[in-house]
N, C-alpha and C. Protein backbone atom coordinates (compact mmCIF):
# COMPACT_ATOMS: atom_id res chain seq x y z
N MET A 1 0.84 -1.17 0.00
CA MET A 1 0.00 0.00 0.00
C MET A 1 0.89 1.25 0.00
N LYS A 2 0.68 2.09 -0.98
CA LYS A 2 1.51 3.27 -1.14
C LYS A 2 0.89 4.44 -0.37
N THR A 3 1.69 5.08 0.44
CA THR A 3 1.21 6.27 1.15
C THR A 3 1.52 7.50 0.31
N LYS A 4 0.66 8.48 0.43
CA LYS A 4 0.82 9.69 -0.36
C LYS A 4 1.78 10.65 0.34
N THR A 5 2.53 11.36 -0.48
CA THR A 5 3.45 12.35 0.07
C THR A 5 2.67 13.58 0.51
N VAL A 6 3.33 14.45 1.23
CA VAL A 6 2.69 15.67 1.71
C VAL A 6 2.26 16.54 0.55
N GLU A 7 3.07 16.59 -0.52
CA GLU A 7 2.72 17.40 -1.68
C GLU A 7 1.48 16.87 -2.38
N GLU A 8 1.36 15.55 -2.48
CA GLU A 8 0.18 14.96 -3.11
C GLU A 8 -1.08 15.23 -2.28
N GLN A 9 -0.95 15.17 -0.97
CA GLN A 9 -2.09 15.47 -0.11
C GLN A 9 -2.48 16.93 -0.21
N ALA A 10 -1.51 17.82 -0.26
CA ALA A 10 -1.79 19.25 -0.39
C ALA A 10 -2.43 19.56 -1.73
N GLU A 11 -2.00 18.87 -2.78
CA GLU A 11 -2.56 19.08 -4.11
C GLU A 11 -4.03 18.69 -4.15
N GLN A 12 -4.40 17.66 -3.42
CA GLN A 12 -5.79 17.21 -3.41
C GLN A 12 -6.70 18.18 -2.66
N LYS A 13 -6.17 18.97 -1.75
CA LYS A 13 -6.97 19.90 -0.96
C LYS A 13 -7.21 21.22 -1.67
N ARG A 14 -6.72 21.38 -2.87
CA ARG A 14 -6.92 22.62 -3.62
C ARG A 14 -8.38 22.71 -4.07
N ASN A 15 -9.03 23.82 -3.75
CA ASN A 15 -10.40 24.06 -4.20
C ASN A 15 -10.57 25.54 -4.50
N TRP A 16 -11.77 25.95 -4.84
CA TRP A 16 -11.98 27.33 -5.27
C TRP A 16 -11.87 28.33 -4.13
N VAL A 17 -11.91 27.88 -2.89
CA VAL A 17 -11.74 28.80 -1.76
C VAL A 17 -10.27 28.97 -1.43
N THR A 18 -9.52 27.88 -1.42
CA THR A 18 -8.12 27.96 -1.03
C THR A 18 -7.21 28.41 -2.16
N HIS A 19 -7.54 28.07 -3.40
CA HIS A 19 -6.72 28.44 -4.56
C HIS A 19 -7.61 28.93 -5.70
N PRO A 20 -8.24 30.12 -5.55
CA PRO A 20 -9.12 30.60 -6.60
C PRO A 20 -8.35 31.08 -7.83
N THR A 21 -8.92 30.79 -8.99
CA THR A 21 -8.36 31.33 -10.23
C THR A 21 -8.96 32.71 -10.46
N THR A 22 -8.49 33.39 -11.48
CA THR A 22 -9.02 34.71 -11.80
C THR A 22 -10.50 34.61 -12.15
N ARG A 23 -10.86 33.56 -12.89
CA ARG A 23 -12.27 33.37 -13.26
C ARG A 23 -13.12 33.09 -12.03
N ASN A 24 -12.64 32.23 -11.13
CA ASN A 24 -13.36 31.96 -9.88
C ASN A 24 -13.57 33.24 -9.09
N PHE A 25 -12.51 34.02 -8.97
CA PHE A 25 -12.57 35.26 -8.20
C PHE A 25 -13.60 36.23 -8.79
N ALA A 26 -13.59 36.38 -10.11
CA ALA A 26 -14.53 37.29 -10.77
C ALA A 26 -15.97 36.82 -10.57
N ILE A 27 -16.21 35.53 -10.68
CA ILE A 27 -17.56 34.99 -10.50
C ILE A 27 -18.02 35.18 -9.06
N ILE A 28 -17.16 34.89 -8.11
CA ILE A 28 -17.53 35.01 -6.70
C ILE A 28 -17.87 36.45 -6.33
N VAL A 29 -17.04 37.38 -6.76
CA VAL A 29 -17.30 38.79 -6.44
C VAL A 29 -18.57 39.28 -7.14
N SER A 30 -18.80 38.88 -8.37
CA SER A 30 -20.01 39.28 -9.09
C SER A 30 -21.27 38.74 -8.42
N VAL A 31 -21.25 37.47 -8.07
CA VAL A 31 -22.41 36.87 -7.41
C VAL A 31 -22.64 37.51 -6.04
N TRP A 32 -21.56 37.84 -5.34
CA TRP A 32 -21.67 38.47 -4.04
C TRP A 32 -22.33 39.85 -4.15
N ILE A 33 -21.88 40.66 -5.09
CA ILE A 33 -22.45 42.01 -5.26
C ILE A 33 -23.91 41.92 -5.67
N ILE A 34 -24.23 41.08 -6.64
CA ILE A 34 -25.62 40.92 -7.07
C ILE A 34 -26.49 40.42 -5.92
N GLY A 35 -25.97 39.47 -5.16
CA GLY A 35 -26.72 38.94 -4.02
C GLY A 35 -27.00 39.99 -2.96
N LEU A 36 -26.00 40.81 -2.64
CA LEU A 36 -26.21 41.85 -1.64
C LEU A 36 -27.23 42.87 -2.12
N VAL A 37 -27.16 43.26 -3.38
CA VAL A 37 -28.12 44.23 -3.91
C VAL A 37 -29.53 43.66 -3.85
N LEU A 38 -29.69 42.40 -4.24
CA LEU A 38 -31.01 41.78 -4.20
C LEU A 38 -31.53 41.62 -2.77
N LEU A 39 -30.64 41.27 -1.84
CA LEU A 39 -31.06 41.16 -0.44
C LEU A 39 -31.52 42.50 0.12
N VAL A 40 -30.76 43.55 -0.16
CA VAL A 40 -31.14 44.88 0.33
C VAL A 40 -32.44 45.33 -0.32
N ALA A 41 -32.61 45.07 -1.60
CA ALA A 41 -33.85 45.44 -2.29
C ALA A 41 -35.05 44.69 -1.72
N ALA A 42 -34.87 43.42 -1.40
CA ALA A 42 -35.97 42.64 -0.83
C ALA A 42 -36.29 43.09 0.59
N MET A 43 -35.27 43.38 1.37
CA MET A 43 -35.49 43.80 2.76
C MET A 43 -36.18 45.15 2.85
N THR A 44 -35.85 46.04 1.96
CA THR A 44 -36.36 47.41 2.04
C THR A 44 -37.54 47.66 1.14
N ASP A 45 -38.11 46.59 0.57
CA ASP A 45 -39.24 46.72 -0.36
C ASP A 45 -38.89 47.70 -1.47
N LEU A 46 -37.82 47.38 -2.16
CA LEU A 46 -37.25 48.21 -3.23
C LEU A 46 -36.98 49.63 -2.76
N PHE A 47 -36.32 49.72 -1.59
CA PHE A 47 -35.82 50.96 -1.01
C PHE A 47 -36.92 51.92 -0.55
N ARG A 48 -38.09 51.38 -0.19
CA ARG A 48 -39.17 52.20 0.36
C ARG A 48 -39.17 52.20 1.88
N ASN A 49 -38.64 51.14 2.48
CA ASN A 49 -38.61 51.01 3.94
C ASN A 49 -37.18 51.18 4.43
N SER A 50 -37.04 51.29 5.74
CA SER A 50 -35.74 51.47 6.35
C SER A 50 -34.90 50.19 6.26
N PHE A 51 -33.62 50.37 6.06
CA PHE A 51 -32.69 49.24 6.03
C PHE A 51 -32.48 48.68 7.42
N PHE A 52 -32.54 49.55 8.44
CA PHE A 52 -32.27 49.15 9.81
C PHE A 52 -33.56 48.76 10.50
N ASP A 53 -33.85 47.47 10.50
CA ASP A 53 -35.05 46.95 11.14
C ASP A 53 -34.68 45.63 11.80
N LYS A 54 -35.13 45.44 13.04
CA LYS A 54 -34.73 44.25 13.78
C LYS A 54 -35.28 42.95 13.19
N LYS A 55 -36.31 43.02 12.41
CA LYS A 55 -36.88 41.78 11.86
C LYS A 55 -36.01 41.17 10.75
N HIS A 56 -35.00 41.90 10.31
CA HIS A 56 -34.12 41.41 9.25
C HIS A 56 -32.79 40.90 9.77
N ILE A 57 -32.73 40.50 11.02
CA ILE A 57 -31.46 40.10 11.65
C ILE A 57 -30.83 38.89 10.95
N VAL A 58 -31.64 37.95 10.47
CA VAL A 58 -31.10 36.78 9.78
C VAL A 58 -30.46 37.18 8.45
N VAL A 59 -31.07 38.11 7.77
CA VAL A 59 -30.52 38.58 6.49
C VAL A 59 -29.22 39.33 6.73
N TYR A 60 -29.16 40.10 7.82
CA TYR A 60 -27.90 40.77 8.16
C TYR A 60 -26.79 39.74 8.36
N GLY A 61 -27.12 38.66 9.05
CA GLY A 61 -26.15 37.58 9.26
C GLY A 61 -25.68 36.97 7.95
N MET A 62 -26.62 36.75 7.03
CA MET A 62 -26.25 36.21 5.72
C MET A 62 -25.32 37.16 4.98
N MET A 63 -25.59 38.45 5.09
CA MET A 63 -24.75 39.43 4.42
C MET A 63 -23.35 39.47 5.02
N VAL A 64 -23.25 39.39 6.33
CA VAL A 64 -21.95 39.41 6.99
C VAL A 64 -21.16 38.16 6.65
N LEU A 65 -21.81 37.00 6.69
CA LEU A 65 -21.11 35.75 6.39
C LEU A 65 -20.66 35.68 4.93
N SER A 66 -21.49 36.17 4.02
CA SER A 66 -21.08 36.16 2.61
C SER A 66 -19.93 37.13 2.38
N THR A 67 -19.95 38.27 3.08
CA THR A 67 -18.85 39.21 2.97
C THR A 67 -17.56 38.61 3.52
N TRP A 68 -17.67 37.90 4.64
CA TRP A 68 -16.51 37.24 5.23
C TRP A 68 -15.92 36.21 4.26
N THR A 69 -16.78 35.46 3.59
CA THR A 69 -16.32 34.46 2.63
C THR A 69 -15.60 35.13 1.45
N VAL A 70 -16.15 36.23 0.96
CA VAL A 70 -15.52 36.94 -0.16
C VAL A 70 -14.17 37.52 0.26
N VAL A 71 -14.07 38.02 1.49
CA VAL A 71 -12.79 38.53 1.98
C VAL A 71 -11.77 37.41 2.06
N LYS A 72 -12.19 36.25 2.56
CA LYS A 72 -11.28 35.11 2.67
C LYS A 72 -10.82 34.65 1.29
N VAL A 73 -11.73 34.56 0.34
CA VAL A 73 -11.36 34.17 -1.03
C VAL A 73 -10.44 35.22 -1.65
N SER A 74 -10.70 36.50 -1.38
CA SER A 74 -9.86 37.56 -1.93
C SER A 74 -8.44 37.47 -1.39
N LEU A 75 -8.31 37.24 -0.09
CA LEU A 75 -6.98 37.10 0.49
C LEU A 75 -6.25 35.88 -0.07
N ASN A 76 -6.97 34.78 -0.25
CA ASN A 76 -6.36 33.58 -0.85
C ASN A 76 -5.98 33.82 -2.30
N TYR A 77 -6.78 34.58 -3.03
CA TYR A 77 -6.48 34.90 -4.42
C TYR A 77 -5.20 35.73 -4.50
N ILE A 78 -5.09 36.73 -3.64
CA ILE A 78 -3.90 37.58 -3.63
C ILE A 78 -2.68 36.75 -3.26
N LYS A 79 -2.82 35.89 -2.25
CA LYS A 79 -1.70 35.05 -1.82
C LYS A 79 -1.29 34.09 -2.94
N THR A 80 -2.25 33.50 -3.63
CA THR A 80 -1.94 32.59 -4.71
C THR A 80 -1.25 33.31 -5.87
N LYS A 81 -1.72 34.50 -6.20
CA LYS A 81 -1.10 35.26 -7.28
C LYS A 81 0.33 35.67 -6.92
N ARG A 82 0.54 36.02 -5.66
CA ARG A 82 1.87 36.42 -5.22
C ARG A 82 2.83 35.23 -5.30
N ILE A 83 2.37 34.05 -4.92
CA ILE A 83 3.20 32.85 -5.00
C ILE A 83 3.50 32.50 -6.45
N ASP A 84 2.48 32.60 -7.32
CA ASP A 84 2.67 32.29 -8.74
C ASP A 84 3.65 33.24 -9.40
N ASN A 85 3.61 34.51 -9.01
CA ASN A 85 4.51 35.50 -9.61
C ASN A 85 5.94 35.34 -9.13
N ASN A 86 6.11 34.87 -7.91
CA ASN A 86 7.47 34.70 -7.37
C ASN A 86 8.14 33.41 -7.85
N GLY A 87 7.35 32.51 -8.37
CA GLY A 87 8.01 31.32 -8.89
C GLY A 87 7.41 30.13 -8.31
């Protein structure tokens, strides 16, 4: 039974969050922006009601978590590009 090397194991763990490509990054940011705009439009009844209302606490959580995910992907994208450029 052959055991995998550390490099082979690390290669298998590559996904769109840990090693995003330029296309992945563009899609994620686009979907994030469109999603936030649609969430705000739905919460505020197309901007007729106040954005700050306690009944929308779950939606606020969704917005914060999606923003956190986009920040994490952005940092990984920058790190991956920096590694690729250095060799």
